[in-house]
N, C-alpha and C. Protein backbone atom coordinates (compact mmCIF):
# COMPACT_ATOMS: atom_id res chain seq x y z
N UNK A 1 -27.96 78.70 -35.98
CA UNK A 1 -27.97 80.08 -36.28
C UNK A 1 -29.36 80.57 -36.60
N UNK A 2 -29.50 81.84 -36.56
CA UNK A 2 -30.82 82.41 -36.77
C UNK A 2 -31.42 82.12 -38.15
N UNK A 3 -30.72 82.29 -39.21
CA UNK A 3 -31.19 81.99 -40.54
C UNK A 3 -31.55 80.53 -40.75
N UNK A 4 -30.78 79.62 -40.19
CA UNK A 4 -31.18 78.15 -40.30
C UNK A 4 -32.43 77.91 -39.52
N UNK A 5 -32.58 78.42 -38.30
CA UNK A 5 -33.82 78.30 -37.54
C UNK A 5 -35.06 78.84 -38.29
N UNK A 6 -34.88 79.98 -38.91
CA UNK A 6 -35.96 80.57 -39.63
C UNK A 6 -36.41 79.77 -40.87
N UNK A 7 -35.40 79.15 -41.49
CA UNK A 7 -35.67 78.28 -42.70
C UNK A 7 -36.37 76.97 -42.23
N UNK A 8 -35.93 76.44 -41.12
CA UNK A 8 -36.43 75.13 -40.65
C UNK A 8 -37.91 75.52 -40.26
N UNK A 9 -38.17 76.54 -39.52
CA UNK A 9 -39.49 76.84 -39.13
C UNK A 9 -40.44 77.09 -40.29
N UNK A 10 -39.94 77.79 -41.31
CA UNK A 10 -40.80 78.06 -42.48
C UNK A 10 -41.05 76.79 -43.28
N UNK A 11 -40.13 75.92 -43.38
CA UNK A 11 -40.29 74.69 -44.04
C UNK A 11 -41.27 73.83 -43.28
N UNK A 12 -41.03 73.79 -41.95
CA UNK A 12 -41.82 72.92 -41.11
C UNK A 12 -43.30 73.40 -41.18
N UNK A 13 -43.63 74.61 -41.24
CA UNK A 13 -45.03 75.06 -41.22
C UNK A 13 -45.65 74.61 -42.57
N UNK A 14 -44.94 74.57 -43.64
CA UNK A 14 -45.48 74.12 -44.95
C UNK A 14 -45.71 72.63 -44.90
N UNK A 15 -44.77 71.93 -44.32
CA UNK A 15 -44.85 70.40 -44.36
C UNK A 15 -45.96 69.89 -43.41
N UNK A 16 -46.13 70.51 -42.18
CA UNK A 16 -47.09 70.13 -41.30
C UNK A 16 -48.51 70.23 -41.67
N UNK A 17 -48.80 71.03 -42.77
CA UNK A 17 -50.11 71.18 -43.32
C UNK A 17 -50.66 69.88 -43.79
N UNK A 18 -49.73 69.01 -44.25
CA UNK A 18 -50.14 67.64 -44.71
C UNK A 18 -50.68 66.67 -43.61
N UNK A 19 -50.24 66.99 -42.35
CA UNK A 19 -50.69 66.11 -41.22
C UNK A 19 -51.78 66.70 -40.43
N UNK A 20 -52.40 67.83 -40.91
CA UNK A 20 -53.48 68.45 -40.15
C UNK A 20 -54.78 67.92 -40.49
N UNK A 21 -54.99 67.18 -41.62
CA UNK A 21 -56.28 66.64 -42.04
C UNK A 21 -56.74 65.35 -41.34
N UNK A 22 -57.81 64.90 -41.85
CA UNK A 22 -58.31 63.68 -41.24
C UNK A 22 -57.57 62.42 -41.75
N UNK A 23 -56.98 62.46 -42.97
CA UNK A 23 -56.23 61.36 -43.53
C UNK A 23 -54.80 61.61 -43.60
N UNK A 24 -54.06 60.83 -42.88
CA UNK A 24 -52.65 60.98 -43.05
C UNK A 24 -52.05 59.90 -43.98
N UNK A 25 -52.90 58.87 -44.17
CA UNK A 25 -52.49 57.80 -45.13
C UNK A 25 -53.69 57.28 -45.74
N UNK A 26 -53.53 56.87 -46.98
CA UNK A 26 -54.73 56.32 -47.75
C UNK A 26 -54.25 55.03 -48.35
N UNK A 27 -54.87 53.95 -48.00
CA UNK A 27 -54.57 52.68 -48.56
C UNK A 27 -55.37 52.46 -49.85
N UNK A 28 -54.69 51.91 -50.88
CA UNK A 28 -55.31 51.63 -52.14
C UNK A 28 -55.84 50.28 -52.20
N UNK A 29 -57.10 50.15 -52.67
CA UNK A 29 -57.73 48.74 -52.76
C UNK A 29 -57.03 47.95 -53.91
N UNK A 30 -56.98 46.68 -53.78
CA UNK A 30 -56.43 45.83 -54.88
C UNK A 30 -57.46 45.63 -55.99
N UNK A 31 -58.68 45.68 -55.55
CA UNK A 31 -59.85 45.58 -56.54
C UNK A 31 -61.08 46.13 -55.96
N UNK A 32 -62.20 45.90 -56.73
CA UNK A 32 -63.50 46.45 -56.21
C UNK A 32 -63.93 45.80 -54.90
N UNK A 33 -63.63 44.56 -54.62
CA UNK A 33 -63.96 43.86 -53.47
C UNK A 33 -63.21 44.31 -52.28
N UNK A 34 -62.11 45.01 -52.49
CA UNK A 34 -61.22 45.36 -51.41
C UNK A 34 -61.40 46.76 -50.93
N UNK A 35 -62.29 47.53 -51.47
CA UNK A 35 -62.46 48.96 -51.12
C UNK A 35 -62.82 49.16 -49.59
N UNK A 36 -63.73 48.31 -49.10
CA UNK A 36 -64.06 48.51 -47.75
C UNK A 36 -62.94 48.22 -46.71
N UNK A 37 -62.14 47.19 -47.15
CA UNK A 37 -60.94 46.85 -46.30
C UNK A 37 -59.86 47.91 -46.41
N UNK A 38 -59.69 48.51 -47.54
CA UNK A 38 -58.67 49.64 -47.65
C UNK A 38 -59.18 50.82 -46.85
N UNK A 39 -60.48 51.08 -46.87
CA UNK A 39 -61.01 52.24 -46.05
C UNK A 39 -60.91 51.95 -44.52
N UNK A 40 -61.12 50.72 -44.14
CA UNK A 40 -60.99 50.33 -42.78
C UNK A 40 -59.49 50.45 -42.28
N UNK A 41 -58.54 50.04 -43.13
CA UNK A 41 -57.12 50.13 -42.76
C UNK A 41 -56.73 51.55 -42.74
N UNK A 42 -57.17 52.41 -43.54
CA UNK A 42 -56.91 53.85 -43.47
C UNK A 42 -57.39 54.44 -42.25
N UNK A 43 -58.60 54.17 -41.85
CA UNK A 43 -59.22 54.65 -40.62
C UNK A 43 -58.45 54.20 -39.39
N UNK A 44 -58.09 52.93 -39.37
CA UNK A 44 -57.42 52.35 -38.16
C UNK A 44 -56.06 53.00 -38.00
N UNK A 45 -55.26 53.17 -39.11
CA UNK A 45 -53.97 53.79 -39.01
C UNK A 45 -54.16 55.20 -38.56
N UNK A 46 -55.06 55.95 -39.12
CA UNK A 46 -55.30 57.37 -38.69
C UNK A 46 -55.67 57.44 -37.21
N UNK A 47 -56.52 56.54 -36.74
CA UNK A 47 -56.88 56.56 -35.34
C UNK A 47 -55.69 56.33 -34.40
N UNK A 48 -54.90 55.27 -34.65
CA UNK A 48 -53.79 54.87 -33.78
C UNK A 48 -52.59 55.78 -33.93
N UNK A 49 -52.38 56.45 -35.00
CA UNK A 49 -51.27 57.29 -35.18
C UNK A 49 -51.60 58.73 -34.64
N UNK A 50 -52.72 59.28 -35.00
CA UNK A 50 -53.11 60.65 -34.73
C UNK A 50 -53.97 60.83 -33.51
N UNK A 51 -54.93 59.93 -33.29
CA UNK A 51 -55.89 60.12 -32.09
C UNK A 51 -55.37 59.40 -30.87
N UNK A 52 -55.00 58.20 -30.85
CA UNK A 52 -54.66 57.43 -29.72
C UNK A 52 -53.27 57.93 -29.15
N UNK A 53 -52.48 58.49 -30.09
CA UNK A 53 -51.13 59.09 -29.71
C UNK A 53 -51.16 60.53 -30.15
N UNK A 54 -50.22 61.34 -29.56
CA UNK A 54 -50.15 62.70 -30.06
C UNK A 54 -49.43 62.76 -31.41
N UNK A 55 -50.16 62.40 -32.38
CA UNK A 55 -49.50 62.18 -33.79
C UNK A 55 -48.94 63.47 -34.29
N UNK A 56 -49.72 64.53 -34.25
CA UNK A 56 -49.23 65.83 -34.80
C UNK A 56 -47.94 66.25 -34.18
N UNK A 57 -47.88 66.17 -32.86
CA UNK A 57 -46.56 66.55 -32.15
C UNK A 57 -45.51 65.62 -32.37
N UNK A 58 -45.80 64.35 -32.59
CA UNK A 58 -44.80 63.36 -32.87
C UNK A 58 -44.16 63.67 -34.21
N UNK A 59 -45.06 63.92 -35.21
CA UNK A 59 -44.51 64.24 -36.58
C UNK A 59 -43.82 65.57 -36.55
N UNK A 60 -44.26 66.65 -35.85
CA UNK A 60 -43.65 67.89 -35.79
C UNK A 60 -42.19 67.74 -35.24
N UNK A 61 -42.04 67.00 -34.16
CA UNK A 61 -40.77 66.73 -33.61
C UNK A 61 -39.85 66.05 -34.51
N UNK A 62 -40.38 64.96 -35.13
CA UNK A 62 -39.58 64.16 -36.04
C UNK A 62 -39.10 64.82 -37.31
N UNK A 63 -39.98 65.62 -37.86
CA UNK A 63 -39.66 66.35 -39.05
C UNK A 63 -38.66 67.53 -38.78
N UNK A 64 -38.81 68.16 -37.53
CA UNK A 64 -37.90 69.23 -37.23
C UNK A 64 -36.52 68.60 -37.01
N UNK A 65 -36.41 67.46 -36.38
CA UNK A 65 -35.12 66.76 -36.20
C UNK A 65 -34.52 66.47 -37.53
N UNK A 66 -35.34 66.01 -38.45
CA UNK A 66 -34.92 65.60 -39.81
C UNK A 66 -34.35 66.81 -40.51
N UNK A 67 -34.98 67.97 -40.36
CA UNK A 67 -34.50 69.20 -41.05
C UNK A 67 -33.21 69.76 -40.43
N UNK A 68 -32.93 69.51 -39.16
CA UNK A 68 -31.88 70.07 -38.44
C UNK A 68 -30.65 69.16 -38.43
N UNK A 69 -30.91 67.93 -38.15
CA UNK A 69 -29.73 66.93 -37.96
C UNK A 69 -29.86 65.74 -38.88
N UNK A 70 -30.74 65.83 -39.89
CA UNK A 70 -30.81 64.89 -40.98
C UNK A 70 -31.47 63.54 -40.70
N UNK A 71 -31.87 63.22 -39.45
CA UNK A 71 -32.59 62.00 -39.14
C UNK A 71 -33.61 62.39 -38.07
N UNK A 72 -34.88 62.02 -38.37
CA UNK A 72 -35.97 62.14 -37.53
C UNK A 72 -36.51 60.70 -37.24
N UNK A 73 -36.68 60.42 -36.02
CA UNK A 73 -37.02 59.04 -35.65
C UNK A 73 -38.20 58.95 -34.79
N UNK A 74 -39.05 57.98 -35.04
CA UNK A 74 -40.18 57.73 -34.21
C UNK A 74 -40.10 56.26 -33.85
N UNK A 75 -40.30 55.93 -32.62
CA UNK A 75 -40.30 54.51 -32.17
C UNK A 75 -41.68 54.13 -31.89
N UNK A 76 -41.91 52.87 -32.05
CA UNK A 76 -43.25 52.28 -31.73
C UNK A 76 -43.00 51.16 -30.77
N UNK A 77 -43.96 51.03 -29.81
CA UNK A 77 -43.80 49.93 -28.82
C UNK A 77 -45.27 49.60 -28.42
N UNK A 78 -45.38 48.45 -27.93
CA UNK A 78 -46.68 47.97 -27.36
C UNK A 78 -46.64 47.99 -25.88
N UNK A 79 -47.48 48.63 -25.15
CA UNK A 79 -47.54 48.75 -23.82
C UNK A 79 -48.62 47.78 -23.28
N UNK A 80 -48.26 46.87 -22.39
CA UNK A 80 -49.22 45.92 -21.87
C UNK A 80 -49.59 46.39 -20.43
N UNK A 81 -50.96 46.35 -20.14
CA UNK A 81 -51.35 46.70 -18.83
C UNK A 81 -52.67 45.86 -18.51
N UNK A 82 -53.06 45.84 -17.30
CA UNK A 82 -54.26 45.15 -16.97
C UNK A 82 -55.10 46.07 -16.11
N UNK A 83 -56.49 45.83 -16.28
CA UNK A 83 -57.40 46.57 -15.48
C UNK A 83 -58.20 45.56 -14.64
N UNK A 84 -58.40 45.93 -13.45
CA UNK A 84 -59.11 45.07 -12.54
C UNK A 84 -60.28 45.80 -11.83
N UNK A 85 -61.47 45.15 -11.75
CA UNK A 85 -62.58 45.69 -11.12
C UNK A 85 -63.34 44.50 -10.39
N UNK A 86 -63.91 44.99 -9.38
CA UNK A 86 -64.75 44.06 -8.60
C UNK A 86 -66.24 44.35 -8.90
N UNK A 87 -66.95 43.30 -9.13
CA UNK A 87 -68.36 43.42 -9.56
C UNK A 87 -69.20 42.58 -8.60
N UNK A 88 -70.39 43.06 -8.27
CA UNK A 88 -71.32 42.38 -7.40
C UNK A 88 -72.61 42.15 -8.24
N UNK A 89 -73.05 40.85 -8.14
CA UNK A 89 -74.35 40.51 -8.83
C UNK A 89 -75.34 40.01 -7.78
N UNK A 90 -76.57 40.47 -8.03
CA UNK A 90 -77.65 40.07 -7.14
C UNK A 90 -78.67 39.28 -7.97
N UNK A 91 -79.33 38.30 -7.46
CA UNK A 91 -80.30 37.49 -8.12
C UNK A 91 -79.67 36.60 -9.20
N UNK A 92 -78.59 36.02 -8.82
CA UNK A 92 -77.81 35.11 -9.72
C UNK A 92 -78.39 33.68 -9.54
N UNK A 93 -78.99 33.17 -10.51
CA UNK A 93 -79.44 31.79 -10.45
C UNK A 93 -78.30 30.83 -10.53
N UNK A 94 -78.38 29.73 -9.79
CA UNK A 94 -77.30 28.72 -9.76
C UNK A 94 -76.97 28.26 -11.18
N UNK A 95 -77.97 28.21 -12.06
CA UNK A 95 -77.71 27.76 -13.46
C UNK A 95 -76.86 28.70 -14.27
N UNK A 96 -76.97 30.00 -13.95
CA UNK A 96 -76.27 31.08 -14.60
C UNK A 96 -74.83 31.30 -14.10
N UNK A 97 -74.45 30.70 -12.93
CA UNK A 97 -73.24 30.91 -12.28
C UNK A 97 -72.05 30.55 -13.20
N UNK A 98 -72.18 29.38 -13.90
CA UNK A 98 -71.09 28.85 -14.80
C UNK A 98 -70.87 29.89 -15.97
N UNK A 99 -71.97 30.41 -16.46
CA UNK A 99 -71.88 31.32 -17.63
C UNK A 99 -71.27 32.69 -17.16
N UNK A 100 -71.52 33.05 -15.95
CA UNK A 100 -70.95 34.37 -15.47
C UNK A 100 -69.48 34.37 -15.13
N UNK A 101 -68.95 33.10 -15.01
CA UNK A 101 -67.56 32.90 -14.69
C UNK A 101 -66.74 32.87 -15.85
N UNK A 102 -67.20 32.87 -17.07
CA UNK A 102 -66.52 32.74 -18.30
C UNK A 102 -66.72 34.01 -19.23
N UNK A 103 -65.67 34.67 -19.44
CA UNK A 103 -65.71 35.83 -20.39
C UNK A 103 -64.52 35.76 -21.16
N UNK A 104 -64.57 35.87 -22.57
CA UNK A 104 -63.42 35.85 -23.39
C UNK A 104 -62.43 37.01 -23.02
N UNK A 105 -61.17 36.69 -22.89
CA UNK A 105 -60.17 37.70 -22.65
C UNK A 105 -60.18 38.36 -21.27
N UNK A 106 -60.95 37.70 -20.35
CA UNK A 106 -61.06 38.24 -18.94
C UNK A 106 -60.82 37.10 -17.95
N UNK A 107 -59.96 37.39 -16.99
CA UNK A 107 -59.75 36.40 -15.90
C UNK A 107 -60.64 36.75 -14.77
N UNK A 108 -61.55 35.79 -14.41
CA UNK A 108 -62.54 36.05 -13.35
C UNK A 108 -62.25 35.12 -12.17
N UNK A 109 -62.09 35.81 -11.00
CA UNK A 109 -61.83 35.20 -9.74
C UNK A 109 -63.07 35.40 -8.79
N UNK A 110 -63.52 34.35 -8.24
CA UNK A 110 -64.67 34.37 -7.35
C UNK A 110 -64.19 34.95 -5.99
N UNK A 111 -64.90 36.00 -5.49
CA UNK A 111 -64.59 36.49 -4.15
C UNK A 111 -65.63 35.90 -3.13
N UNK A 112 -66.82 35.93 -3.55
CA UNK A 112 -67.92 35.30 -2.59
C UNK A 112 -69.05 34.89 -3.55
N UNK A 113 -69.59 33.80 -3.08
CA UNK A 113 -70.73 33.20 -3.78
C UNK A 113 -71.59 32.53 -2.77
N UNK A 114 -72.89 33.04 -2.58
CA UNK A 114 -73.79 32.51 -1.66
C UNK A 114 -75.05 32.10 -2.43
N UNK A 115 -75.19 30.80 -2.88
CA UNK A 115 -76.35 30.48 -3.57
C UNK A 115 -77.66 30.60 -2.92
N UNK A 116 -77.67 30.47 -1.67
CA UNK A 116 -79.00 30.61 -0.93
C UNK A 116 -79.47 32.07 -1.06
N UNK A 117 -78.59 33.04 -1.09
CA UNK A 117 -78.96 34.46 -1.22
C UNK A 117 -78.96 34.95 -2.70
N UNK A 118 -78.42 34.03 -3.53
CA UNK A 118 -78.24 34.30 -4.98
C UNK A 118 -77.38 35.66 -5.22
N UNK A 119 -76.25 35.57 -4.45
CA UNK A 119 -75.27 36.72 -4.47
C UNK A 119 -74.02 36.21 -4.99
N UNK A 120 -73.35 37.04 -5.90
CA UNK A 120 -72.05 36.74 -6.44
C UNK A 120 -71.23 38.02 -6.41
N UNK A 121 -69.95 37.89 -6.01
CA UNK A 121 -68.96 38.90 -6.01
C UNK A 121 -67.75 38.37 -6.66
N UNK A 122 -67.28 39.03 -7.82
CA UNK A 122 -66.05 38.55 -8.53
C UNK A 122 -65.14 39.73 -8.77
N UNK A 123 -63.84 39.27 -8.99
CA UNK A 123 -62.82 40.25 -9.48
C UNK A 123 -62.52 39.89 -10.95
N UNK A 124 -62.68 40.85 -11.76
CA UNK A 124 -62.46 40.65 -13.26
C UNK A 124 -61.16 41.40 -13.50
N UNK A 125 -60.14 40.63 -14.19
CA UNK A 125 -58.92 41.20 -14.66
C UNK A 125 -58.89 40.98 -16.12
N UNK A 126 -58.69 42.20 -16.85
CA UNK A 126 -58.56 42.13 -18.24
C UNK A 126 -57.15 42.68 -18.70
N UNK A 127 -56.53 41.93 -19.47
CA UNK A 127 -55.14 42.37 -20.02
C UNK A 127 -55.39 43.07 -21.33
N UNK A 128 -54.79 44.21 -21.53
CA UNK A 128 -54.98 45.00 -22.66
C UNK A 128 -53.58 45.48 -23.18
N UNK A 129 -53.59 45.89 -24.47
CA UNK A 129 -52.34 46.39 -25.01
C UNK A 129 -52.69 47.75 -25.77
N UNK A 130 -51.66 48.63 -25.72
CA UNK A 130 -51.74 49.88 -26.23
C UNK A 130 -50.58 50.19 -27.06
N UNK A 131 -50.79 50.71 -28.28
CA UNK A 131 -49.76 51.14 -29.19
C UNK A 131 -49.27 52.46 -28.81
N UNK A 132 -47.96 52.66 -28.51
CA UNK A 132 -47.35 53.98 -28.19
C UNK A 132 -46.37 54.30 -29.21
N UNK A 133 -46.51 55.53 -29.75
CA UNK A 133 -45.58 56.08 -30.66
C UNK A 133 -44.90 57.31 -30.07
N UNK A 134 -43.61 57.34 -30.10
CA UNK A 134 -42.86 58.44 -29.44
C UNK A 134 -41.64 58.83 -30.30
N UNK A 135 -41.39 60.13 -30.44
CA UNK A 135 -40.17 60.54 -31.17
C UNK A 135 -38.95 60.17 -30.25
N UNK A 136 -37.90 59.88 -30.98
CA UNK A 136 -36.61 59.56 -30.31
C UNK A 136 -35.69 60.78 -30.42
N UNK A 137 -35.24 61.31 -29.42
CA UNK A 137 -34.28 62.49 -29.52
C UNK A 137 -33.08 62.04 -30.15
N UNK A 138 -32.52 62.76 -31.15
CA UNK A 138 -31.31 62.39 -31.97
C UNK A 138 -30.07 62.09 -31.13
N UNK A 139 -30.02 62.78 -29.93
CA UNK A 139 -28.84 62.68 -29.07
C UNK A 139 -28.94 61.35 -28.38
N UNK A 140 -30.06 60.67 -28.26
CA UNK A 140 -30.20 59.41 -27.52
C UNK A 140 -30.19 58.26 -28.58
N UNK A 141 -30.11 58.56 -29.85
CA UNK A 141 -30.16 57.46 -30.85
C UNK A 141 -28.68 56.99 -30.98
N UNK A 142 -28.40 55.65 -30.86
CA UNK A 142 -27.14 55.11 -30.97
C UNK A 142 -27.16 54.07 -32.06
N UNK A 143 -26.10 53.95 -32.80
CA UNK A 143 -26.04 53.06 -33.91
C UNK A 143 -24.55 52.53 -34.14
N UNK A 144 -24.56 51.56 -35.05
CA UNK A 144 -23.39 50.84 -35.41
C UNK A 144 -22.21 51.84 -35.72
N UNK A 145 -21.11 51.71 -35.05
CA UNK A 145 -20.02 52.67 -35.08
C UNK A 145 -19.51 52.86 -36.59
N UNK A 146 -19.39 51.79 -37.35
CA UNK A 146 -18.76 51.90 -38.68
C UNK A 146 -19.86 52.25 -39.77
N UNK A 147 -21.05 52.66 -39.44
CA UNK A 147 -22.14 52.93 -40.38
C UNK A 147 -21.91 54.40 -40.90
N UNK A 148 -21.53 54.53 -42.17
CA UNK A 148 -21.15 55.91 -42.69
C UNK A 148 -22.19 56.46 -43.60
N UNK A 149 -23.41 56.01 -43.73
CA UNK A 149 -24.29 56.54 -44.62
C UNK A 149 -25.55 57.03 -43.79
N UNK A 150 -26.30 57.97 -44.36
CA UNK A 150 -27.49 58.46 -43.74
C UNK A 150 -28.66 57.48 -43.77
N UNK A 151 -28.64 56.58 -44.68
CA UNK A 151 -29.75 55.63 -44.84
C UNK A 151 -29.65 54.51 -43.75
N UNK A 152 -30.70 54.42 -42.96
CA UNK A 152 -30.65 53.46 -41.92
C UNK A 152 -31.50 52.17 -42.21
N UNK A 153 -31.78 52.02 -43.56
CA UNK A 153 -32.60 50.84 -43.96
C UNK A 153 -31.99 49.48 -43.66
N UNK A 154 -30.71 49.33 -43.83
CA UNK A 154 -30.04 48.08 -43.66
C UNK A 154 -29.07 48.04 -42.53
N UNK A 155 -29.21 48.95 -41.58
CA UNK A 155 -28.18 49.04 -40.48
C UNK A 155 -28.24 47.73 -39.59
N UNK A 156 -27.10 47.21 -39.26
CA UNK A 156 -27.17 45.96 -38.55
C UNK A 156 -27.66 46.02 -37.09
N UNK A 157 -27.47 47.28 -36.45
CA UNK A 157 -27.91 47.39 -35.10
C UNK A 157 -28.11 48.89 -34.78
N UNK A 158 -29.11 49.20 -34.08
CA UNK A 158 -29.27 50.57 -33.61
C UNK A 158 -30.19 50.58 -32.38
N UNK A 159 -30.26 51.56 -31.60
CA UNK A 159 -31.08 51.58 -30.38
C UNK A 159 -31.28 53.00 -29.83
N UNK A 160 -31.89 53.03 -28.66
CA UNK A 160 -32.10 54.28 -27.91
C UNK A 160 -31.45 54.21 -26.62
N UNK A 161 -30.62 55.20 -26.22
CA UNK A 161 -29.94 55.27 -24.93
C UNK A 161 -30.91 55.89 -23.94
N UNK A 162 -30.88 55.29 -22.77
CA UNK A 162 -31.62 55.81 -21.66
C UNK A 162 -30.66 56.10 -20.47
N UNK A 163 -30.75 57.28 -19.88
CA UNK A 163 -30.01 57.61 -18.70
C UNK A 163 -31.05 57.70 -17.53
N UNK A 164 -30.93 56.73 -16.62
CA UNK A 164 -31.94 56.67 -15.47
C UNK A 164 -31.24 57.03 -14.14
N UNK A 165 -31.87 57.78 -13.36
CA UNK A 165 -31.31 58.08 -12.14
C UNK A 165 -31.41 56.94 -11.19
N UNK A 166 -30.63 57.01 -10.18
CA UNK A 166 -30.63 55.91 -9.17
C UNK A 166 -31.92 55.83 -8.42
N UNK A 167 -32.52 56.97 -8.13
CA UNK A 167 -33.80 56.93 -7.41
C UNK A 167 -34.92 56.43 -8.21
N UNK A 168 -34.81 56.67 -9.52
CA UNK A 168 -35.92 56.06 -10.38
C UNK A 168 -35.70 54.56 -10.45
N UNK A 169 -34.46 54.08 -10.56
CA UNK A 169 -34.28 52.61 -10.58
C UNK A 169 -34.73 51.97 -9.23
N UNK A 170 -34.57 52.60 -8.16
CA UNK A 170 -35.06 52.04 -6.91
C UNK A 170 -36.54 52.09 -6.84
N UNK A 171 -37.15 53.19 -7.24
CA UNK A 171 -38.60 53.21 -7.07
C UNK A 171 -39.42 52.39 -8.12
N UNK A 172 -38.86 52.38 -9.40
CA UNK A 172 -39.54 51.66 -10.45
C UNK A 172 -39.26 50.17 -10.47
N UNK A 173 -37.92 49.85 -10.48
CA UNK A 173 -37.49 48.50 -10.59
C UNK A 173 -37.06 47.84 -9.32
N UNK A 174 -37.12 48.49 -8.28
CA UNK A 174 -36.76 47.95 -6.95
C UNK A 174 -35.37 47.42 -6.85
N UNK A 175 -34.42 48.09 -7.50
CA UNK A 175 -33.00 47.70 -7.40
C UNK A 175 -32.45 48.23 -6.09
């Protein structure tokens, strides 16, 4: 109804002011020696929640869902991907070849190496991870049938329902 929508929007505008600043969370240090670590943790959480993900929009969606249907949910997942690039090196000394083939966290595959010309061409593959935070639509949230409270803290099982078209299954998963 219109009056419910107006109240939700009015409350939402007041609540979202808390998420518009630089600090969405502040970790408290245990002692004087822990102040730098607490500051670092506060900065890291703010970066991954607000900058690396659309944090403001995620919170906006989640809080609006909580005000209208009593539960606002955000899921977190880690997405793994790899980046590959081909690099060419000129004037590679034979003594430096072994050092160039080892980099921490990178798989290096030799494409071409000509010691007489001091030429090296390699393919570097680096595996990376990215934290993804996304709101869960309430209509896609499924939970244990006999759970009769709004508190989800100790729920035995819950999940997100996905409806995928046949063409997406064929193109993405090769079914």
